[in-house]
PDB file of N, CA and C in Angstrom:
ATOM      1  N   MET A   1       1.897  24.816  31.717  1.00  0.00           N
ATOM      2  CA  MET A   1       2.919  24.486  30.753  1.00  0.00           C
ATOM      3  C   MET A   1       4.159  25.328  31.030  1.00  0.00           C
ATOM      4  N   GLY A   2       5.280  24.811  30.589  1.00  0.00           N
ATOM      5  CA  GLY A   2       6.532  25.467  30.904  1.00  0.00           C
ATOM      6  C   GLY A   2       6.956  26.532  29.911  1.00  0.00           C
ATOM      7  N   LEU A   3       6.547  26.415  28.634  1.00  0.00           N
ATOM      8  CA  LEU A   3       7.031  27.342  27.624  1.00  0.00           C
ATOM      9  C   LEU A   3       5.988  28.409  27.318  1.00  0.00           C
ATOM     10  N   ASP A   4       6.415  29.644  27.417  1.00  0.00           N
ATOM     11  CA  ASP A   4       5.555  30.770  27.046  1.00  0.00           C
ATOM     12  C   ASP A   4       5.657  30.959  25.537  1.00  0.00           C
ATOM     13  N   ILE A   5       4.544  31.064  24.852  1.00  0.00           N
ATOM     14  CA  ILE A   5       4.520  31.148  23.393  1.00  0.00           C
ATOM     15  C   ILE A   5       5.182  32.425  22.882  1.00  0.00           C
ATOM     16  N   ARG A   6       5.332  33.423  23.753  1.00  0.00           N
ATOM     17  CA  ARG A   6       5.946  34.682  23.328  1.00  0.00           C
ATOM     18  C   ARG A   6       7.434  34.542  23.027  1.00  0.00           C
ATOM     19  N   TRP A   7       8.115  33.562  23.650  1.00  0.00           N
ATOM     20  CA  TRP A   7       9.544  33.369  23.380  1.00  0.00           C
ATOM     21  C   TRP A   7       9.808  32.974  21.928  1.00  0.00           C
ATOM     22  N   PRO A   8       9.214  31.871  21.422  1.00  0.00           N
ATOM     23  CA  PRO A   8       9.508  31.522  20.023  1.00  0.00           C
ATOM     24  C   PRO A   8       8.961  32.528  19.018  1.00  0.00           C
ATOM     25  N   ILE A   9       7.814  33.138  19.312  1.00  0.00           N
ATOM     26  CA  ILE A   9       7.277  34.148  18.396  1.00  0.00           C
ATOM     27  C   ILE A   9       8.214  35.358  18.352  1.00  0.00           C
ATOM     28  N   GLY A  10       8.666  35.787  19.503  1.00  0.00           N
ATOM     29  CA  GLY A  10       9.590  36.922  19.559  1.00  0.00           C
ATOM     30  C   GLY A  10      10.898  36.639  18.854  1.00  0.00           C
ATOM     31  N   LEU A  11      11.425  35.431  19.034  1.00  0.00           N
ATOM     32  CA  LEU A  11      12.670  35.069  18.354  1.00  0.00           C
ATOM     33  C   LEU A  11      12.481  35.028  16.846  1.00  0.00           C
ATOM     34  N   MET A  12      11.391  34.431  16.400  1.00  0.00           N
ATOM     35  CA  MET A  12      11.142  34.313  14.969  1.00  0.00           C
ATOM     36  C   MET A  12      11.013  35.700  14.319  1.00  0.00           C
ATOM     37  N   PHE A  13      10.182  36.564  14.898  1.00  0.00           N
ATOM     38  CA  PHE A  13       9.989  37.888  14.322  1.00  0.00           C
ATOM     39  C   PHE A  13      11.258  38.734  14.411  1.00  0.00           C
ATOM     40  N   SER A  14      12.027  38.574  15.478  1.00  0.00           N
ATOM     41  CA  SER A  14      13.271  39.337  15.605  1.00  0.00           C
ATOM     42  C   SER A  14      14.288  38.918  14.561  1.00  0.00           C
ATOM     43  N   ILE A  15      14.424  37.624  14.327  1.00  0.00           N
ATOM     44  CA  ILE A  15      15.390  37.137  13.340  1.00  0.00           C
ATOM     45  C   ILE A  15      14.977  37.555  11.929  1.00  0.00           C
ATOM     46  N   ILE A  16      13.711  37.358  11.579  1.00  0.00           N
ATOM     47  CA  ILE A  16      13.246  37.741  10.241  1.00  0.00           C
ATOM     48  C   ILE A  16      13.341  39.257  10.057  1.00  0.00           C
ATOM     49  N   GLY A  17      12.986  40.019  11.088  1.00  0.00           N
ATOM     50  CA  GLY A  17      13.086  41.471  11.013  1.00  0.00           C
ATOM     51  C   GLY A  17      14.516  41.942  10.847  1.00  0.00           C
ATOM     52  N   ALA A  18      15.452  41.308  11.560  1.00  0.00           N
ATOM     53  CA  ALA A  18      16.859  41.689  11.431  1.00  0.00           C
ATOM     54  C   ALA A  18      17.378  41.369  10.029  1.00  0.00           C
ATOM     55  N   LEU A  19      16.982  40.213   9.482  1.00  0.00           N
ATOM     56  CA  LEU A  19      17.410  39.856   8.128  1.00  0.00           C
ATOM     57  C   LEU A  19      16.860  40.845   7.099  1.00  0.00           C
ATOM     58  N   LEU A  20      15.588  41.200   7.214  1.00  0.00           N
ATOM     59  CA  LEU A  20      15.001  42.170   6.288  1.00  0.00           C
ATOM     60  C   LEU A  20      15.641  43.548   6.442  1.00  0.00           C
ATOM     61  N   LEU A  21      15.927  43.927   7.671  1.00  0.00           N
ATOM     62  CA  LEU A  21      16.553  45.219   7.919  1.00  0.00           C
ATOM     63  C   LEU A  21      17.944  45.274   7.294  1.00  0.00           C
ATOM     64  N   ILE A  22      18.722  44.209   7.452  1.00  0.00           N
ATOM     65  CA  ILE A  22      20.061  44.151   6.863  1.00  0.00           C
ATOM     66  C   ILE A  22      19.971  44.193   5.339  1.00  0.00           C
ATOM     67  N   HIS A  23      19.025  43.440   4.787  1.00  0.00           N
ATOM     68  CA  HIS A  23      18.849  43.444   3.332  1.00  0.00           C
ATOM     69  C   HIS A  23      18.405  44.817   2.835  1.00  0.00           C
ATOM     70  N   GLY A  24      17.544  45.489   3.571  1.00  0.00           N
ATOM     71  CA  GLY A  24      17.101  46.824   3.191  1.00  0.00           C
ATOM     72  C   GLY A  24      18.217  47.845   3.228  1.00  0.00           C
ATOM     73  N   VAL A  25      19.103  47.720   4.215  1.00  0.00           N
ATOM     74  CA  VAL A  25      20.242  48.637   4.303  1.00  0.00           C
ATOM     75  C   VAL A  25      21.239  48.344   3.177  1.00  0.00           C
ATOM     76  N   ALA A  26      21.461  47.050   2.892  1.00  0.00           N
ATOM     77  CA  ALA A  26      22.437  46.672   1.870  1.00  0.00           C
ATOM     78  C   ALA A  26      21.979  47.066   0.467  1.00  0.00           C
ATOM     79  N   THR A  27      20.691  47.033   0.212  1.00  0.00           N
ATOM     80  CA  THR A  27      20.185  47.343  -1.130  1.00  0.00           C
ATOM     81  C   THR A  27      19.501  48.702  -1.184  1.00  0.00           C
ATOM     82  N   GLY A  28      19.748  49.549  -0.232  1.00  0.00           N
ATOM     83  CA  GLY A  28      19.084  50.851  -0.168  1.00  0.00           C
ATOM     84  C   GLY A  28      19.453  51.794  -1.287  1.00  0.00           C
ATOM     85  N   SER A  29      20.615  51.619  -1.891  1.00  0.00           N
ATOM     86  CA  SER A  29      21.043  52.530  -2.947  1.00  0.00           C
ATOM     87  C   SER A  29      20.666  52.023  -4.344  1.00  0.00           C
ATOM     88  N   ASP A  30      19.991  50.883  -4.421  1.00  0.00           N
ATOM     89  CA  ASP A  30      19.578  50.324  -5.711  1.00  0.00           C
ATOM     90  C   ASP A  30      18.293  51.019  -6.160  1.00  0.00           C
ATOM     91  N   THR A  31      18.445  52.038  -6.999  1.00  0.00           N
ATOM     92  CA  THR A  31      17.279  52.837  -7.406  1.00  0.00           C
ATOM     93  C   THR A  31      16.325  52.065  -8.304  1.00  0.00           C
ATOM     94  N   GLU A  32      16.825  51.094  -9.040  1.00  0.00           N
ATOM     95  CA  GLU A  32      15.950  50.301  -9.906  1.00  0.00           C
ATOM     96  C   GLU A  32      14.974  49.470  -9.069  1.00  0.00           C
ATOM     97  N   MET A  33      15.447  48.929  -7.968  1.00  0.00           N
ATOM     98  CA  MET A  33      14.576  48.140  -7.103  1.00  0.00           C
ATOM     99  C   MET A  33      13.558  49.036  -6.387  1.00  0.00           C
ATOM    100  N   LEU A  34      13.962  50.238  -6.038  1.00  0.00           N
ATOM    101  CA  LEU A  34      13.061  51.148  -5.322  1.00  0.00           C
ATOM    102  C   LEU A  34      11.969  51.721  -6.226  1.00  0.00           C
ATOM    103  N   LYS A  35      12.178  51.698  -7.544  1.00  0.00           N
ATOM    104  CA  LYS A  35      11.147  52.178  -8.467  1.00  0.00           C
ATOM    105  C   LYS A  35       9.895  51.316  -8.402  1.00  0.00           C
ATOM    106  N   ARG A  36      10.078  50.013  -8.197  1.00  0.00           N
ATOM    107  CA  ARG A  36       8.933  49.097  -8.172  1.00  0.00           C
ATOM    108  C   ARG A  36       8.051  49.313  -6.946  1.00  0.00           C
ATOM    109  N   SER A  37       8.604  49.894  -5.910  1.00  0.00           N
ATOM    110  CA  SER A  37       7.816  50.126  -4.693  1.00  0.00           C
ATOM    111  C   SER A  37       7.594  51.606  -4.442  1.00  0.00           C
ATOM    112  N   LEU A  38       7.495  52.374  -5.511  1.00  0.00           N
ATOM    113  CA  LEU A  38       7.219  53.813  -5.459  1.00  0.00           C
ATOM    114  C   LEU A  38       8.260  54.589  -4.662  1.00  0.00           C
ATOM    115  N   GLY A  39       9.503  54.148  -4.735  1.00  0.00           N
ATOM    116  CA  GLY A  39      10.596  54.847  -4.082  1.00  0.00           C
ATOM    117  C   GLY A  39      10.758  54.556  -2.601  1.00  0.00           C
ATOM    118  N   MET A  40       9.976  53.643  -2.077  1.00  0.00           N
ATOM    119  CA  MET A  40      10.047  53.324  -0.646  1.00  0.00           C
ATOM    120  C   MET A  40      10.828  52.027  -0.448  1.00  0.00           C
ATOM    121  N   ASN A  41      11.736  52.010   0.493  1.00  0.00           N
ATOM    122  CA  ASN A  41      12.512  50.811   0.797  1.00  0.00           C
ATOM    123  C   ASN A  41      11.662  49.923   1.722  1.00  0.00           C
ATOM    124  N   VAL A  42      10.887  49.039   1.121  1.00  0.00           N
ATOM    125  CA  VAL A  42       9.933  48.220   1.864  1.00  0.00           C
ATOM    126  C   VAL A  42      10.650  47.263   2.815  1.00  0.00           C
ATOM    127  N   ASN A  43      11.778  46.720   2.372  1.00  0.00           N
ATOM    128  CA  ASN A  43      12.515  45.789   3.228  1.00  0.00           C
ATOM    129  C   ASN A  43      13.012  46.470   4.496  1.00  0.00           C
ATOM    130  N   LEU A  44      13.462  47.683   4.360  1.00  0.00           N
ATOM    131  CA  LEU A  44      13.946  48.430   5.517  1.00  0.00           C
ATOM    132  C   LEU A  44      12.818  48.748   6.486  1.00  0.00           C
ATOM    133  N   VAL A  45      11.704  49.214   5.963  1.00  0.00           N
ATOM    134  CA  VAL A  45      10.577  49.618   6.810  1.00  0.00           C
ATOM    135  C   VAL A  45       9.984  48.401   7.522  1.00  0.00           C
ATOM    136  N   TRP A  46       9.660  47.351   6.764  1.00  0.00           N
ATOM    137  CA  TRP A  46       9.038  46.187   7.382  1.00  0.00           C
ATOM    138  C   TRP A  46      10.019  45.390   8.241  1.00  0.00           C
ATOM    139  N   GLY A  47      11.302  45.449   7.911  1.00  0.00           N
ATOM    140  CA  GLY A  47      12.299  44.835   8.782  1.00  0.00           C
ATOM    141  C   GLY A  47      12.328  45.496  10.145  1.00  0.00           C
ATOM    142  N   LEU A  48      12.230  46.812  10.136  1.00  0.00           N
ATOM    143  CA  LEU A  48      12.197  47.552  11.396  1.00  0.00           C
ATOM    144  C   LEU A  48      10.929  47.245  12.186  1.00  0.00           C
ATOM    145  N   VAL A  49       9.792  47.189  11.488  1.00  0.00           N
ATOM    146  CA  VAL A  49       8.523  46.878  12.156  1.00  0.00           C
ATOM    147  C   VAL A  49       8.558  45.481  12.782  1.00  0.00           C
ATOM    148  N   LEU A  50       9.028  44.497  12.032  1.00  0.00           N
ATOM    149  CA  LEU A  50       9.088  43.130  12.548  1.00  0.00           C
ATOM    150  C   LEU A  50      10.084  43.000  13.697  1.00  0.00           C
ATOM    151  N   LEU A  51      11.208  43.694  13.593  1.00  0.00           N
ATOM    152  CA  LEU A  51      12.198  43.645  14.668  1.00  0.00           C
ATOM    153  C   LEU A  51      11.651  44.256  15.956  1.00  0.00           C
ATOM    154  N   VAL A  52      10.979  45.382  15.845  1.00  0.00           N
ATOM    155  CA  VAL A  52      10.394  46.028  17.037  1.00  0.00           C
ATOM    156  C   VAL A  52       9.326  45.131  17.648  1.00  0.00           C
ATOM    157  N   PHE A  53       8.467  44.530  16.809  1.00  0.00           N
ATOM    158  CA  PHE A  53       7.436  43.632  17.322  1.00  0.00           C
ATOM    159  C   PHE A  53       8.059  42.420  18.021  1.00  0.00           C
ATOM    160  N   GLY A  54       9.074  41.836  17.412  1.00  0.00           N
ATOM    161  CA  GLY A  54       9.750  40.690  18.023  1.00  0.00           C
ATOM    162  C   GLY A  54      10.392  41.041  19.353  1.00  0.00           C
ATOM    163  N   LEU A  55      11.026  42.203  19.417  1.00  0.00           N
ATOM    164  CA  LEU A  55      11.650  42.617  20.676  1.00  0.00           C
ATOM    165  C   LEU A  55      10.602  42.908  21.749  1.00  0.00           C
ATOM    166  N   LEU A  56       9.455  43.450  21.358  1.00  0.00           N
ATOM    167  CA  LEU A  56       8.381  43.677  22.329  1.00  0.00           C
ATOM    168  C   LEU A  56       7.842  42.345  22.866  1.00  0.00           C
ATOM    169  N   MET A  57       7.723  41.351  21.992  1.00  0.00           N
ATOM    170  CA  MET A  57       7.279  40.021  22.433  1.00  0.00           C
ATOM    171  C   MET A  57       8.288  39.411  23.409  1.00  0.00           C
ATOM    172  N   LEU A  58       9.568  39.530  23.101  1.00  0.00           N
ATOM    173  CA  LEU A  58      10.595  39.003  23.997  1.00  0.00           C
ATOM    174  C   LEU A  58      10.597  39.743  25.336  1.00  0.00           C
ATOM    175  N   LEU A  59      10.415  41.047  25.282  1.00  0.00           N
ATOM    176  CA  LEU A  59      10.369  41.833  26.512  1.00  0.00           C
ATOM    177  C   LEU A  59       9.168  41.448  27.367  1.00  0.00           C
ATOM    178  N   SER A  60       8.011  41.273  26.735  1.00  0.00           N
ATOM    179  CA  SER A  60       6.825  40.897  27.514  1.00  0.00           C
ATOM    180  C   SER A  60       6.961  39.489  28.081  1.00  0.00           C
ATOM    181  N   ALA A  61       7.628  38.580  27.362  1.00  0.00           N
ATOM    182  CA  ALA A  61       7.861  37.235  27.891  1.00  0.00           C
ATOM    183  C   ALA A  61       8.804  37.289  29.087  1.00  0.00           C
ATOM    184  N   LYS A  62       9.816  38.139  29.012  1.00  0.00           N
ATOM    185  CA  LYS A  62      10.766  38.269  30.124  1.00  0.00           C
ATOM    186  C   LYS A  62      10.087  38.874  31.350  1.00  0.00           C
ATOM    187  N   ILE A  63       9.245  39.873  31.135  1.00  0.00           N
ATOM    188  CA  ILE A  63       8.526  40.493  32.255  1.00  0.00           C
ATOM    189  C   ILE A  63       7.569  39.489  32.897  1.00  0.00           C
ATOM    190  N   ALA A  64       6.877  38.702  32.073  1.00  0.00           N
ATOM    191  CA  ALA A  64       5.941  37.705  32.603  1.00  0.00           C
ATOM    192  C   ALA A  64       6.678  36.615  33.382  1.00  0.00           C
ATOM    193  N   ALA A  65       7.862  36.234  32.893  1.00  0.00           N
ATOM    194  CA  ALA A  65       8.632  35.206  33.588  1.00  0.00           C
ATOM    195  C   ALA A  65       9.162  35.725  34.930  1.00  0.00           C
ATOM    196  N   SER A  66       9.556  36.982  34.978  1.00  0.00           N
ATOM    197  CA  SER A  66      10.056  37.523  36.243  1.00  0.00           C
ATOM    198  C   SER A  66       8.907  37.776  37.220  1.00  0.00           C
ATOM    199  N   ALA A  67       7.722  38.061  36.731  1.00  0.00           N
ATOM    200  CA  ALA A  67       6.574  38.283  37.616  1.00  0.00           C
ATOM    201  C   ALA A  67       6.062  36.954  38.188  1.00  0.00           C
ATOM    202  N   LYS A  68       6.275  35.881  37.462  1.00  0.00           N
ATOM    203  CA  LYS A  68       5.791  34.577  37.897  1.00  0.00           C
ATOM    204  C   LYS A  68       6.691  33.966  38.972  1.00  0.00           C
ATOM    205  N   LYS A  69       7.963  34.402  39.012  1.00  0.00           N
ATOM    206  CA  LYS A  69       8.907  33.865  39.990  1.00  0.00           C
ATOM    207  C   LYS A  69       8.490  34.251  41.403  1.00  0.00           C
ATOM    208  N   PRO A  70       8.625  33.320  42.350  1.00  0.00           N
ATOM    209  CA  PRO A  70       8.324  33.696  43.737  1.00  0.00           C
ATOM    210  C   PRO A  70       9.410  34.628  44.284  1.00  0.00           C
ATOM    211  N   LYS A  71       8.987  35.585  45.056  1.00  0.00           N
ATOM    212  CA  LYS A  71       9.910  36.554  45.648  1.00  0.00           C
ATOM    213  C   LYS A  71      10.647  35.914  46.817  1.00  0.00           C
ATOM    214  N   GLU A  72      11.968  36.197  46.898  1.00  0.00           N
ATOM    215  CA  GLU A  72      12.759  35.694  48.025  1.00  0.00           C
ATOM    216  C   GLU A  72      12.701  36.693  49.161  1.00  0.00           C
ATOM    217  N   LYS A  73      12.723  36.170  50.379  1.00  0.00           N
ATOM    218  CA  LYS A  73      12.678  37.059  51.554  1.00  0.00           C
ATOM    219  C   LYS A  73      14.013  37.151  52.207  1.00  0.00           C
TER     220      LYS A  73
END
């Protein structure tokens, strides 16, 4: 097959992670919202986790695609 499943998974997790990260940074000073999560900015933390996972998936897809290419002489 032509499409590696890591490309769409990496894109999806990277986009969702970036959106959560931006939302976590934008609402980081809202102390009322942070009270519900025991003072932890959950959007910021999980946005970072999802973004890192998505970027790792994209990186592994890129490495696999370059390894599959035939070498030129």
